Amino acid sequence: MRLYNIAVDGKLHAVSLPTPVAEGSNLRATVNGKDVIVVFSRVSKLELTGMLRVQTRAFHIDFSSMRDPTLPTVRVDGRPFVVELRELPTQSSEKETVTRSIEPMVAPHGVIVAPMPGRVMSLRVRRGDSVRAGQPLLMLEAMKMENEIAAPTAGTIKEIWVEQGTSVNRGQRLLEIF
């Protein structure tokens, strides 16, 4: 996890980001103490422009002006913002993770099974909860990657066979949606 103080047009923000950052992955970040999911995808490998999605809002971002150290500017949907970035020291013992959404494996009758071996980091639903398609159900850690398992369809949580901290094998039942 990397910690930053980011001044945007003179207003200071405390931001923490997981490292390494994999482009196109869902990153669980905090901005001024609030948890957010952030995704950045570049237009091309050669350009410093792309789409930034923060929660459900999408922005066109242009970082090309950041190369000028005298006036580092980021354009968000065409509007310029002067940005100063200061990385803060962190403890080296912190585990570094990347969060990404992956397609869950669905067995017959709405049973969601683990797409890979790992450990359940957190459950986001309880038995009886109504869920919408794409809603996060749980976080599965595998090889220092946090994998968000989302509902493939809308429905109600009928059964949960795991709890936080449970180690699972590929194909093991996690929960059931009906």
N, C-alpha and C. Protein backbone atom coordinates (compact mmCIF):
# COMPACT_ATOMS: atom_id res chain seq x y z
N MET A 1 0.86 -1.17 0.00
CA MET A 1 0.00 0.00 0.00
C MET A 1 0.90 1.23 0.00
N ARG A 2 0.59 2.16 -0.86
CA ARG A 2 1.34 3.42 -0.91
C ARG A 2 0.43 4.54 -0.44
N LEU A 3 1.00 5.45 0.34
CA LEU A 3 0.27 6.59 0.87
C LEU A 3 0.74 7.87 0.20
N TYR A 4 -0.21 8.75 -0.13
CA TYR A 4 0.12 10.00 -0.80
C TYR A 4 -0.64 11.15 -0.17
N ASN A 5 -0.04 12.33 -0.23
CA ASN A 5 -0.75 13.58 -0.04
C ASN A 5 -0.82 14.19 -1.43
N ILE A 6 -2.03 14.44 -1.90
CA ILE A 6 -2.21 14.99 -3.24
C ILE A 6 -2.92 16.33 -3.10
N ALA A 7 -2.27 17.38 -3.58
CA ALA A 7 -2.88 18.71 -3.59
C ALA A 7 -3.47 18.93 -4.99
N VAL A 8 -4.78 19.14 -5.05
CA VAL A 8 -5.46 19.40 -6.30
C VAL A 8 -5.99 20.83 -6.22
N ASP A 9 -5.43 21.71 -7.07
CA ASP A 9 -5.76 23.14 -7.03
C ASP A 9 -5.67 23.69 -5.61
N GLY A 10 -4.62 23.26 -4.88
CA GLY A 10 -4.35 23.77 -3.54
C GLY A 10 -5.07 23.05 -2.42
N LYS A 11 -6.02 22.18 -2.70
CA LYS A 11 -6.75 21.46 -1.66
C LYS A 11 -6.08 20.10 -1.46
N LEU A 12 -5.67 19.81 -0.20
CA LEU A 12 -4.92 18.60 0.12
C LEU A 12 -5.85 17.41 0.37
N HIS A 13 -5.46 16.24 -0.20
CA HIS A 13 -6.22 14.99 -0.03
C HIS A 13 -5.27 13.89 0.39
N ALA A 14 -5.69 13.04 1.32
CA ALA A 14 -4.92 11.86 1.74
C ALA A 14 -5.43 10.68 0.94
N VAL A 15 -4.52 10.02 0.20
CA VAL A 15 -4.90 8.91 -0.68
C VAL A 15 -4.00 7.72 -0.40
N SER A 16 -4.59 6.54 -0.34
CA SER A 16 -3.78 5.31 -0.27
C SER A 16 -4.19 4.43 -1.43
N LEU A 17 -3.17 3.85 -2.09
CA LEU A 17 -3.38 2.99 -3.24
C LEU A 17 -2.60 1.70 -3.05
N PRO A 18 -3.18 0.56 -3.44
CA PRO A 18 -2.43 -0.69 -3.38
C PRO A 18 -1.37 -0.71 -4.47
N THR A 19 -0.31 -1.43 -4.23
CA THR A 19 0.73 -1.61 -5.25
C THR A 19 1.04 -3.09 -5.34
N PRO A 20 1.44 -3.61 -6.43
CA PRO A 20 1.55 -2.91 -7.69
C PRO A 20 0.17 -2.61 -8.27
N VAL A 21 0.12 -1.62 -9.14
CA VAL A 21 -1.14 -1.24 -9.78
C VAL A 21 -1.18 -1.88 -11.15
N ALA A 22 -2.17 -2.72 -11.37
CA ALA A 22 -2.34 -3.36 -12.67
C ALA A 22 -3.42 -2.60 -13.43
N GLU A 23 -3.03 -2.05 -14.59
CA GLU A 23 -3.97 -1.27 -15.38
C GLU A 23 -5.21 -2.08 -15.70
N GLY A 24 -6.37 -1.47 -15.53
CA GLY A 24 -7.63 -2.14 -15.82
C GLY A 24 -8.17 -2.94 -14.65
N SER A 25 -7.43 -3.03 -13.55
CA SER A 25 -7.90 -3.77 -12.38
C SER A 25 -8.68 -2.86 -11.45
N ASN A 26 -9.62 -3.43 -10.72
CA ASN A 26 -10.32 -2.68 -9.68
C ASN A 26 -9.37 -2.49 -8.52
N LEU A 27 -9.12 -1.25 -8.15
CA LEU A 27 -8.25 -0.94 -7.02
C LEU A 27 -9.10 -0.47 -5.86
N ARG A 28 -8.90 -1.06 -4.73
CA ARG A 28 -9.58 -0.61 -3.51
C ARG A 28 -8.68 0.45 -2.89
N ALA A 29 -9.07 1.70 -3.03
CA ALA A 29 -8.28 2.82 -2.53
C ALA A 29 -9.06 3.55 -1.45
N THR A 30 -8.37 4.42 -0.73
CA THR A 30 -9.05 5.32 0.19
C THR A 30 -8.68 6.75 -0.16
N VAL A 31 -9.68 7.61 -0.14
CA VAL A 31 -9.49 9.04 -0.39
C VAL A 31 -10.10 9.76 0.79
N ASN A 32 -9.25 10.46 1.55
CA ASN A 32 -9.69 11.16 2.76
C ASN A 32 -10.48 10.26 3.69
N GLY A 33 -10.01 9.01 3.84
CA GLY A 33 -10.62 8.06 4.76
C GLY A 33 -11.81 7.30 4.22
N LYS A 34 -12.25 7.60 2.99
CA LYS A 34 -13.41 6.93 2.40
C LYS A 34 -12.93 5.87 1.41
N ASP A 35 -13.44 4.62 1.55
CA ASP A 35 -13.08 3.55 0.63
C ASP A 35 -13.76 3.77 -0.71
N VAL A 36 -13.00 3.62 -1.78
CA VAL A 36 -13.53 3.74 -3.14
C VAL A 36 -12.91 2.66 -4.01
N ILE A 37 -13.61 2.30 -5.08
CA ILE A 37 -13.08 1.40 -6.10
C ILE A 37 -12.72 2.26 -7.30
N VAL A 38 -11.47 2.12 -7.78
CA VAL A 38 -10.96 2.93 -8.87
C VAL A 38 -10.41 2.02 -9.96
N VAL A 39 -10.70 2.36 -11.23
CA VAL A 39 -10.15 1.63 -12.38
C VAL A 39 -9.64 2.67 -13.37
N PHE A 40 -8.39 2.50 -13.86
CA PHE A 40 -7.85 3.37 -14.90
C PHE A 40 -7.45 2.51 -16.08
N SER A 41 -7.91 2.90 -17.26
CA SER A 41 -7.56 2.20 -18.49
C SER A 41 -7.07 3.24 -19.50
N ARG A 42 -5.84 3.04 -19.99
CA ARG A 42 -5.28 3.96 -20.96
C ARG A 42 -5.88 3.76 -22.34
N VAL A 43 -5.90 4.85 -23.12
CA VAL A 43 -6.37 4.77 -24.50
C VAL A 43 -5.40 3.92 -25.30
N SER A 44 -4.10 4.14 -25.11
CA SER A 44 -3.08 3.32 -25.75
C SER A 44 -1.86 3.29 -24.84
N LYS A 45 -0.95 2.36 -25.09
CA LYS A 45 0.26 2.23 -24.27
C LYS A 45 1.17 3.44 -24.41
N LEU A 46 1.08 4.16 -25.53
CA LEU A 46 1.97 5.29 -25.78
C LEU A 46 1.45 6.60 -25.20
N GLU A 47 0.16 6.68 -24.95
CA GLU A 47 -0.43 7.93 -24.47
C GLU A 47 -0.66 7.90 -22.97
N LEU A 48 -0.70 9.08 -22.40
CA LEU A 48 -0.98 9.22 -20.97
C LEU A 48 -2.41 9.72 -20.78
N THR A 49 -3.32 9.20 -21.57
CA THR A 49 -4.73 9.54 -21.44
C THR A 49 -5.52 8.26 -21.29
N GLY A 50 -6.69 8.38 -20.72
CA GLY A 50 -7.52 7.20 -20.57
C GLY A 50 -8.79 7.51 -19.82
N MET A 51 -9.47 6.45 -19.41
CA MET A 51 -10.71 6.57 -18.65
C MET A 51 -10.44 6.16 -17.20
N LEU A 52 -10.91 6.98 -16.29
CA LEU A 52 -10.82 6.71 -14.86
C LEU A 52 -12.23 6.52 -14.35
N ARG A 53 -12.49 5.36 -13.74
CA ARG A 53 -13.78 5.10 -13.14
C ARG A 53 -13.60 5.09 -11.63
N VAL A 54 -14.34 5.96 -10.95
CA VAL A 54 -14.33 6.02 -9.49
C VAL A 54 -15.75 5.68 -9.04
N GLN A 55 -15.88 4.52 -8.39
CA GLN A 55 -17.19 3.99 -8.04
C GLN A 55 -17.99 3.86 -9.34
N THR A 56 -19.07 4.60 -9.52
CA THR A 56 -19.89 4.48 -10.73
C THR A 56 -19.69 5.63 -11.71
N ARG A 57 -18.83 6.59 -11.38
CA ARG A 57 -18.61 7.75 -12.26
C ARG A 57 -17.37 7.53 -13.12
N ALA A 58 -17.45 7.92 -14.39
CA ALA A 58 -16.33 7.77 -15.31
C ALA A 58 -15.85 9.14 -15.76
N PHE A 59 -14.52 9.28 -15.89
CA PHE A 59 -13.91 10.55 -16.29
C PHE A 59 -12.86 10.29 -17.35
N HIS A 60 -12.72 11.23 -18.30
CA HIS A 60 -11.61 11.17 -19.26
C HIS A 60 -10.45 11.93 -18.62
N ILE A 61 -9.30 11.27 -18.48
CA ILE A 61 -8.14 11.83 -17.79
C ILE A 61 -6.99 11.98 -18.77
N ASP A 62 -6.29 13.12 -18.72
CA ASP A 62 -5.11 13.37 -19.54
C ASP A 62 -3.97 13.75 -18.60
N PHE A 63 -2.98 12.84 -18.48
CA PHE A 63 -1.82 13.07 -17.60
C PHE A 63 -0.63 13.64 -18.35
N SER A 64 -0.75 13.90 -19.65
CA SER A 64 0.41 14.30 -20.44
C SER A 64 1.04 15.59 -19.94
N SER A 65 0.27 16.49 -19.34
CA SER A 65 0.82 17.74 -18.81
C SER A 65 1.57 17.55 -17.50
N MET A 66 1.49 16.36 -16.90
CA MET A 66 2.20 16.10 -15.65
C MET A 66 3.71 16.06 -15.87
N ARG A 67 4.14 15.94 -17.11
CA ARG A 67 5.58 15.90 -17.40
C ARG A 67 6.26 17.24 -17.13
N ASP A 68 5.50 18.32 -17.08
CA ASP A 68 6.06 19.65 -16.81
C ASP A 68 6.11 19.85 -15.30
N PRO A 69 7.31 19.74 -14.68
CA PRO A 69 7.39 19.84 -13.22
C PRO A 69 7.08 21.24 -12.69
N THR A 70 7.15 22.27 -13.54
CA THR A 70 6.88 23.63 -13.06
C THR A 70 5.39 23.86 -12.85
N LEU A 71 4.54 23.19 -13.64
CA LEU A 71 3.10 23.35 -13.50
C LEU A 71 2.41 22.02 -13.85
N PRO A 72 2.54 21.02 -12.95
CA PRO A 72 1.94 19.71 -13.25
C PRO A 72 0.41 19.80 -13.29
N THR A 73 -0.16 19.54 -14.45
CA THR A 73 -1.59 19.69 -14.65
C THR A 73 -2.20 18.37 -15.13
N VAL A 74 -3.35 18.07 -14.60
CA VAL A 74 -4.13 16.92 -15.05
C VAL A 74 -5.44 17.49 -15.61
N ARG A 75 -5.84 17.01 -16.77
CA ARG A 75 -7.12 17.43 -17.34
C ARG A 75 -8.15 16.34 -17.07
N VAL A 76 -9.24 16.72 -16.43
CA VAL A 76 -10.34 15.80 -16.14
C VAL A 76 -11.54 16.30 -16.92
N ASP A 77 -11.99 15.48 -17.88
CA ASP A 77 -13.07 15.86 -18.79
C ASP A 77 -12.80 17.24 -19.40
N GLY A 78 -11.52 17.49 -19.75
CA GLY A 78 -11.12 18.72 -20.41
C GLY A 78 -10.79 19.87 -19.48
N ARG A 79 -11.15 19.78 -18.21
CA ARG A 79 -10.90 20.87 -17.25
C ARG A 79 -9.55 20.66 -16.58
N PRO A 80 -8.66 21.69 -16.58
CA PRO A 80 -7.33 21.53 -16.00
C PRO A 80 -7.34 21.66 -14.47
N PHE A 81 -6.52 20.82 -13.83
CA PHE A 81 -6.32 20.88 -12.38
C PHE A 81 -4.82 20.82 -12.12
N VAL A 82 -4.29 21.76 -11.32
CA VAL A 82 -2.88 21.72 -10.93
C VAL A 82 -2.77 20.71 -9.80
N VAL A 83 -1.86 19.73 -9.98
CA VAL A 83 -1.75 18.62 -9.04
C VAL A 83 -0.32 18.51 -8.54
N GLU A 84 -0.17 18.38 -7.22
CA GLU A 84 1.13 18.12 -6.61
C GLU A 84 1.00 16.83 -5.83
N LEU A 85 1.90 15.90 -6.11
CA LEU A 85 1.84 14.56 -5.53
C LEU A 85 3.05 14.35 -4.62
N ARG A 86 2.80 13.97 -3.36
CA ARG A 86 3.88 13.66 -2.43
C ARG A 86 3.63 12.28 -1.85
N GLU A 87 4.55 11.34 -2.14
CA GLU A 87 4.43 10.00 -1.58
C GLU A 87 4.91 10.03 -0.13
N LEU A 88 4.17 9.39 0.75
CA LEU A 88 4.51 9.34 2.17
C LEU A 88 5.16 8.00 2.47
N PRO A 89 6.06 7.95 3.45
CA PRO A 89 6.70 6.66 3.79
C PRO A 89 5.67 5.71 4.40
N THR A 90 5.83 4.42 4.11
CA THR A 90 4.97 3.39 4.69
C THR A 90 5.86 2.33 5.32
N GLN A 91 5.25 1.49 6.13
CA GLN A 91 5.99 0.39 6.72
C GLN A 91 6.19 -0.67 5.66
N SER A 92 7.39 -1.18 5.53
CA SER A 92 7.70 -2.16 4.48
C SER A 92 7.04 -3.51 4.72
N SER A 93 6.53 -3.73 5.93
CA SER A 93 5.93 -5.02 6.23
C SER A 93 4.50 -5.15 5.72
N GLU A 94 3.92 -4.05 5.20
CA GLU A 94 2.55 -4.12 4.71
C GLU A 94 2.47 -5.01 3.49
N LYS A 95 1.42 -5.82 3.41
CA LYS A 95 1.22 -6.69 2.27
C LYS A 95 0.69 -5.85 1.11
N GLU A 96 1.25 -6.06 -0.07
CA GLU A 96 0.85 -5.32 -1.23
C GLU A 96 -0.08 -6.17 -2.08
N THR A 97 -1.27 -5.63 -2.39
CA THR A 97 -2.25 -6.39 -3.13
C THR A 97 -2.87 -5.55 -4.23
N VAL A 98 -3.45 -6.23 -5.19
CA VAL A 98 -4.23 -5.60 -6.25
C VAL A 98 -5.60 -6.23 -6.21
N THR A 99 -6.63 -5.42 -6.36
CA THR A 99 -7.98 -5.94 -6.39
C THR A 99 -8.44 -5.98 -7.83
N ARG A 100 -9.05 -7.09 -8.23
CA ARG A 100 -9.60 -7.17 -9.58
C ARG A 100 -10.91 -7.93 -9.51
N SER A 101 -11.79 -7.61 -10.43
CA SER A 101 -13.04 -8.35 -10.55
C SER A 101 -12.82 -9.51 -11.48
N ILE A 102 -13.29 -10.66 -11.08
CA ILE A 102 -13.20 -11.82 -11.95
C ILE A 102 -14.57 -12.45 -12.08
N GLU A 103 -14.76 -13.15 -13.17
CA GLU A 103 -16.03 -13.83 -13.39
C GLU A 103 -16.08 -15.05 -12.47
N PRO A 104 -17.14 -15.19 -11.67
CA PRO A 104 -17.26 -16.37 -10.84
C PRO A 104 -17.64 -17.57 -11.69
N MET A 105 -17.32 -18.74 -11.20
CA MET A 105 -17.78 -19.97 -11.84
C MET A 105 -19.15 -20.27 -11.24
N VAL A 106 -20.11 -20.57 -12.09
CA VAL A 106 -21.47 -20.85 -11.62
C VAL A 106 -21.81 -22.29 -11.96
N ALA A 107 -22.12 -23.05 -10.92
CA ALA A 107 -22.55 -24.43 -11.10
C ALA A 107 -24.07 -24.41 -11.29
N PRO A 108 -24.68 -25.54 -11.60
CA PRO A 108 -26.13 -25.57 -11.77
C PRO A 108 -26.87 -25.03 -10.54
N HIS A 109 -28.05 -24.50 -10.78
CA HIS A 109 -28.95 -24.02 -9.73
C HIS A 109 -28.42 -22.80 -8.99
N GLY A 110 -27.59 -21.96 -9.65
CA GLY A 110 -27.14 -20.71 -9.05
C GLY A 110 -26.06 -20.84 -8.01
N VAL A 111 -25.38 -21.97 -7.93
CA VAL A 111 -24.30 -22.16 -6.97
C VAL A 111 -23.03 -21.49 -7.51
N ILE A 112 -22.48 -20.56 -6.77
CA ILE A 112 -21.24 -19.88 -7.14
C ILE A 112 -20.09 -20.68 -6.54
N VAL A 113 -19.11 -21.04 -7.37
CA VAL A 113 -17.97 -21.81 -6.90
C VAL A 113 -16.69 -21.00 -7.10
N ALA A 114 -15.67 -21.32 -6.34
CA ALA A 114 -14.40 -20.60 -6.39
C ALA A 114 -13.73 -20.81 -7.76
N PRO A 115 -13.36 -19.70 -8.43
CA PRO A 115 -12.71 -19.81 -9.73
C PRO A 115 -11.23 -20.20 -9.62
N MET A 116 -10.70 -20.17 -8.39
CA MET A 116 -9.30 -20.48 -8.14
C MET A 116 -9.13 -20.79 -6.66
N PRO A 117 -8.05 -21.45 -6.27
CA PRO A 117 -7.82 -21.65 -4.84
C PRO A 117 -7.45 -20.32 -4.18
N GLY A 118 -7.81 -20.16 -2.93
CA GLY A 118 -7.49 -18.93 -2.22
C GLY A 118 -8.09 -18.91 -0.84
N ARG A 119 -8.17 -17.70 -0.28
CA ARG A 119 -8.72 -17.51 1.07
C ARG A 119 -9.76 -16.41 1.02
N VAL A 120 -10.92 -16.64 1.64
CA VAL A 120 -11.99 -15.65 1.69
C VAL A 120 -11.56 -14.52 2.61
N MET A 121 -11.38 -13.33 2.03
CA MET A 121 -10.95 -12.15 2.81
C MET A 121 -12.15 -11.50 3.50
N SER A 122 -13.28 -11.41 2.78
CA SER A 122 -14.46 -10.80 3.38
C SER A 122 -15.70 -11.24 2.63
N LEU A 123 -16.81 -11.33 3.34
CA LEU A 123 -18.12 -11.60 2.76
C LEU A 123 -18.88 -10.29 2.72
N ARG A 124 -19.51 -9.98 1.61
CA ARG A 124 -20.23 -8.72 1.46
C ARG A 124 -21.74 -8.92 1.54
N VAL A 125 -22.19 -10.17 1.68
CA VAL A 125 -23.62 -10.47 1.71
C VAL A 125 -23.91 -11.46 2.83
N ARG A 126 -25.22 -11.55 3.16
CA ARG A 126 -25.69 -12.53 4.14
C ARG A 126 -26.83 -13.33 3.54
N ARG A 127 -27.10 -14.45 4.13
CA ARG A 127 -28.21 -15.28 3.69
C ARG A 127 -29.49 -14.45 3.72
N GLY A 128 -30.26 -14.52 2.63
CA GLY A 128 -31.51 -13.77 2.53
C GLY A 128 -31.37 -12.41 1.87
N ASP A 129 -30.14 -11.93 1.65
CA ASP A 129 -29.93 -10.64 1.00
C ASP A 129 -30.34 -10.71 -0.47
N SER A 130 -30.96 -9.65 -0.96
CA SER A 130 -31.22 -9.51 -2.39
C SER A 130 -29.99 -8.90 -3.02
N VAL A 131 -29.59 -9.41 -4.19
CA VAL A 131 -28.41 -8.89 -4.88
C VAL A 131 -28.77 -8.60 -6.32
N ARG A 132 -28.03 -7.67 -6.92
CA ARG A 132 -28.20 -7.34 -8.33
C ARG A 132 -27.01 -7.91 -9.10
N ALA A 133 -27.18 -8.11 -10.37
CA ALA A 133 -26.09 -8.62 -11.21
C ALA A 133 -24.90 -7.66 -11.13
N GLY A 134 -23.71 -8.21 -10.92
CA GLY A 134 -22.50 -7.40 -10.82
C GLY A 134 -22.18 -6.93 -9.40
N GLN A 135 -23.06 -7.13 -8.46
CA GLN A 135 -22.83 -6.71 -7.07
C GLN A 135 -21.75 -7.58 -6.44
N PRO A 136 -20.77 -6.98 -5.74
CA PRO A 136 -19.73 -7.78 -5.07
C PRO A 136 -20.35 -8.68 -4.00
N LEU A 137 -19.94 -9.96 -4.02
CA LEU A 137 -20.42 -10.92 -3.04
C LEU A 137 -19.37 -11.21 -1.98
N LEU A 138 -18.10 -11.36 -2.42
CA LEU A 138 -17.02 -11.64 -1.49
C LEU A 138 -15.68 -11.30 -2.13
N MET A 139 -14.65 -11.21 -1.30
CA MET A 139 -13.28 -10.98 -1.77
C MET A 139 -12.51 -12.26 -1.51
N LEU A 140 -11.83 -12.75 -2.55
CA LEU A 140 -11.04 -13.97 -2.47
C LEU A 140 -9.59 -13.62 -2.76
N GLU A 141 -8.69 -13.87 -1.79
CA GLU A 141 -7.28 -13.58 -1.99
C GLU A 141 -6.60 -14.82 -2.56
N ALA A 142 -5.85 -14.61 -3.64
CA ALA A 142 -5.09 -15.68 -4.27
C ALA A 142 -3.79 -15.09 -4.79
N MET A 143 -2.66 -15.59 -4.34
CA MET A 143 -1.34 -15.13 -4.77
C MET A 143 -1.18 -13.60 -4.64
N LYS A 144 -1.52 -13.06 -3.48
CA LYS A 144 -1.41 -11.64 -3.15
C LYS A 144 -2.31 -10.75 -3.99
N MET A 145 -3.30 -11.35 -4.66
CA MET A 145 -4.27 -10.59 -5.44
C MET A 145 -5.62 -10.70 -4.74
N GLU A 146 -6.29 -9.58 -4.57
CA GLU A 146 -7.64 -9.60 -4.04
C GLU A 146 -8.59 -9.67 -5.23
N ASN A 147 -9.38 -10.72 -5.29
CA ASN A 147 -10.29 -10.96 -6.40
C ASN A 147 -11.72 -10.77 -5.93
N GLU A 148 -12.40 -9.81 -6.53
CA GLU A 148 -13.77 -9.52 -6.17
C GLU A 148 -14.67 -10.48 -6.93
N ILE A 149 -15.44 -11.28 -6.21
CA ILE A 149 -16.38 -12.20 -6.82
C ILE A 149 -17.74 -11.51 -6.82
N ALA A 150 -18.28 -11.28 -8.02
CA ALA A 150 -19.53 -10.54 -8.16
C ALA A 150 -20.66 -11.47 -8.59
N ALA A 151 -21.87 -11.06 -8.29
CA ALA A 151 -23.05 -11.86 -8.65
C ALA A 151 -23.21 -11.89 -10.17
N PRO A 152 -23.33 -13.07 -10.75
CA PRO A 152 -23.52 -13.16 -12.20
C PRO A 152 -24.94 -12.77 -12.62
N THR A 153 -25.89 -12.89 -11.69
CA THR A 153 -27.29 -12.55 -11.97
C THR A 153 -27.91 -11.94 -10.72
N ALA A 154 -29.04 -11.32 -10.89
CA ALA A 154 -29.80 -10.81 -9.75
C ALA A 154 -30.51 -11.98 -9.07
N GLY A 155 -30.77 -11.83 -7.78
CA GLY A 155 -31.47 -12.88 -7.05
C GLY A 155 -31.38 -12.67 -5.56
N THR A 156 -31.56 -13.74 -4.81
CA THR A 156 -31.50 -13.72 -3.36
C THR A 156 -30.48 -14.75 -2.91
N ILE A 157 -29.69 -14.41 -1.89
CA ILE A 157 -28.70 -15.34 -1.36
C ILE A 157 -29.44 -16.42 -0.58
N LYS A 158 -29.36 -17.64 -1.11
CA LYS A 158 -30.06 -18.77 -0.49
C LYS A 158 -29.19 -19.46 0.56
N GLU A 159 -27.89 -19.62 0.25
CA GLU A 159 -27.00 -20.35 1.14
C GLU A 159 -25.59 -19.79 1.03
N ILE A 160 -24.85 -19.81 2.14
CA ILE A 160 -23.44 -19.41 2.16
C ILE A 160 -22.67 -20.54 2.86
N TRP A 161 -21.68 -21.10 2.16
CA TRP A 161 -20.94 -22.24 2.70
C TRP A 161 -19.56 -21.86 3.22
N VAL A 162 -19.17 -20.59 3.14
CA VAL A 162 -17.85 -20.16 3.61
C VAL A 162 -18.01 -18.98 4.56
N GLU A 163 -16.94 -18.66 5.26
CA GLU A 163 -16.92 -17.48 6.11
C GLU A 163 -15.55 -16.83 5.96
N GLN A 164 -15.42 -15.63 6.50
CA GLN A 164 -14.15 -14.92 6.41
C GLN A 164 -13.02 -15.78 6.97
N GLY A 165 -11.92 -15.86 6.21
CA GLY A 165 -10.77 -16.64 6.64
C GLY A 165 -10.74 -18.07 6.11
N THR A 166 -11.86 -18.52 5.51
CA THR A 166 -11.92 -19.87 4.97
C THR A 166 -11.00 -20.02 3.77
N SER A 167 -10.20 -21.09 3.75
CA SER A 167 -9.40 -21.43 2.57
C SER A 167 -10.26 -22.30 1.67
N VAL A 168 -10.22 -22.00 0.36
CA VAL A 168 -11.06 -22.73 -0.58
C VAL A 168 -10.22 -23.26 -1.74
N ASN A 169 -10.71 -24.33 -2.35
CA ASN A 169 -10.09 -24.92 -3.54
C ASN A 169 -10.87 -24.47 -4.77
N ARG A 170 -10.23 -24.55 -5.92
CA ARG A 170 -10.92 -24.24 -7.17
C ARG A 170 -12.11 -25.17 -7.30
N GLY A 171 -13.28 -24.59 -7.63
CA GLY A 171 -14.48 -25.39 -7.80
C GLY A 171 -15.28 -25.63 -6.53
N GLN A 172 -14.75 -25.18 -5.39
CA GLN A 172 -15.47 -25.38 -4.12
C GLN A 172 -16.68 -24.44 -4.05
N ARG A 173 -17.80 -24.93 -3.52
CA ARG A 173 -19.00 -24.11 -3.38
C ARG A 173 -18.75 -22.95 -2.42
N LEU A 174 -19.18 -21.74 -2.82
CA LEU A 174 -19.06 -20.55 -1.98
C LEU A 174 -20.43 -20.13 -1.47
N LEU A 175 -21.36 -19.90 -2.40
CA LEU A 175 -22.72 -19.50 -2.02
C LEU A 175 -23.67 -19.81 -3.14
N GLU A 176 -24.97 -19.64 -2.85
CA GLU A 176 -25.99 -19.93 -3.85
C GLU A 176 -26.96 -18.75 -3.97
N ILE A 177 -27.25 -18.41 -5.22
CA ILE A 177 -28.23 -17.34 -5.52
C ILE A 177 -29.42 -18.00 -6.21
N PHE A 178 -30.64 -17.65 -5.77
CA PHE A 178 -31.82 -18.18 -6.49
C PHE A 178 -32.74 -17.04 -6.83
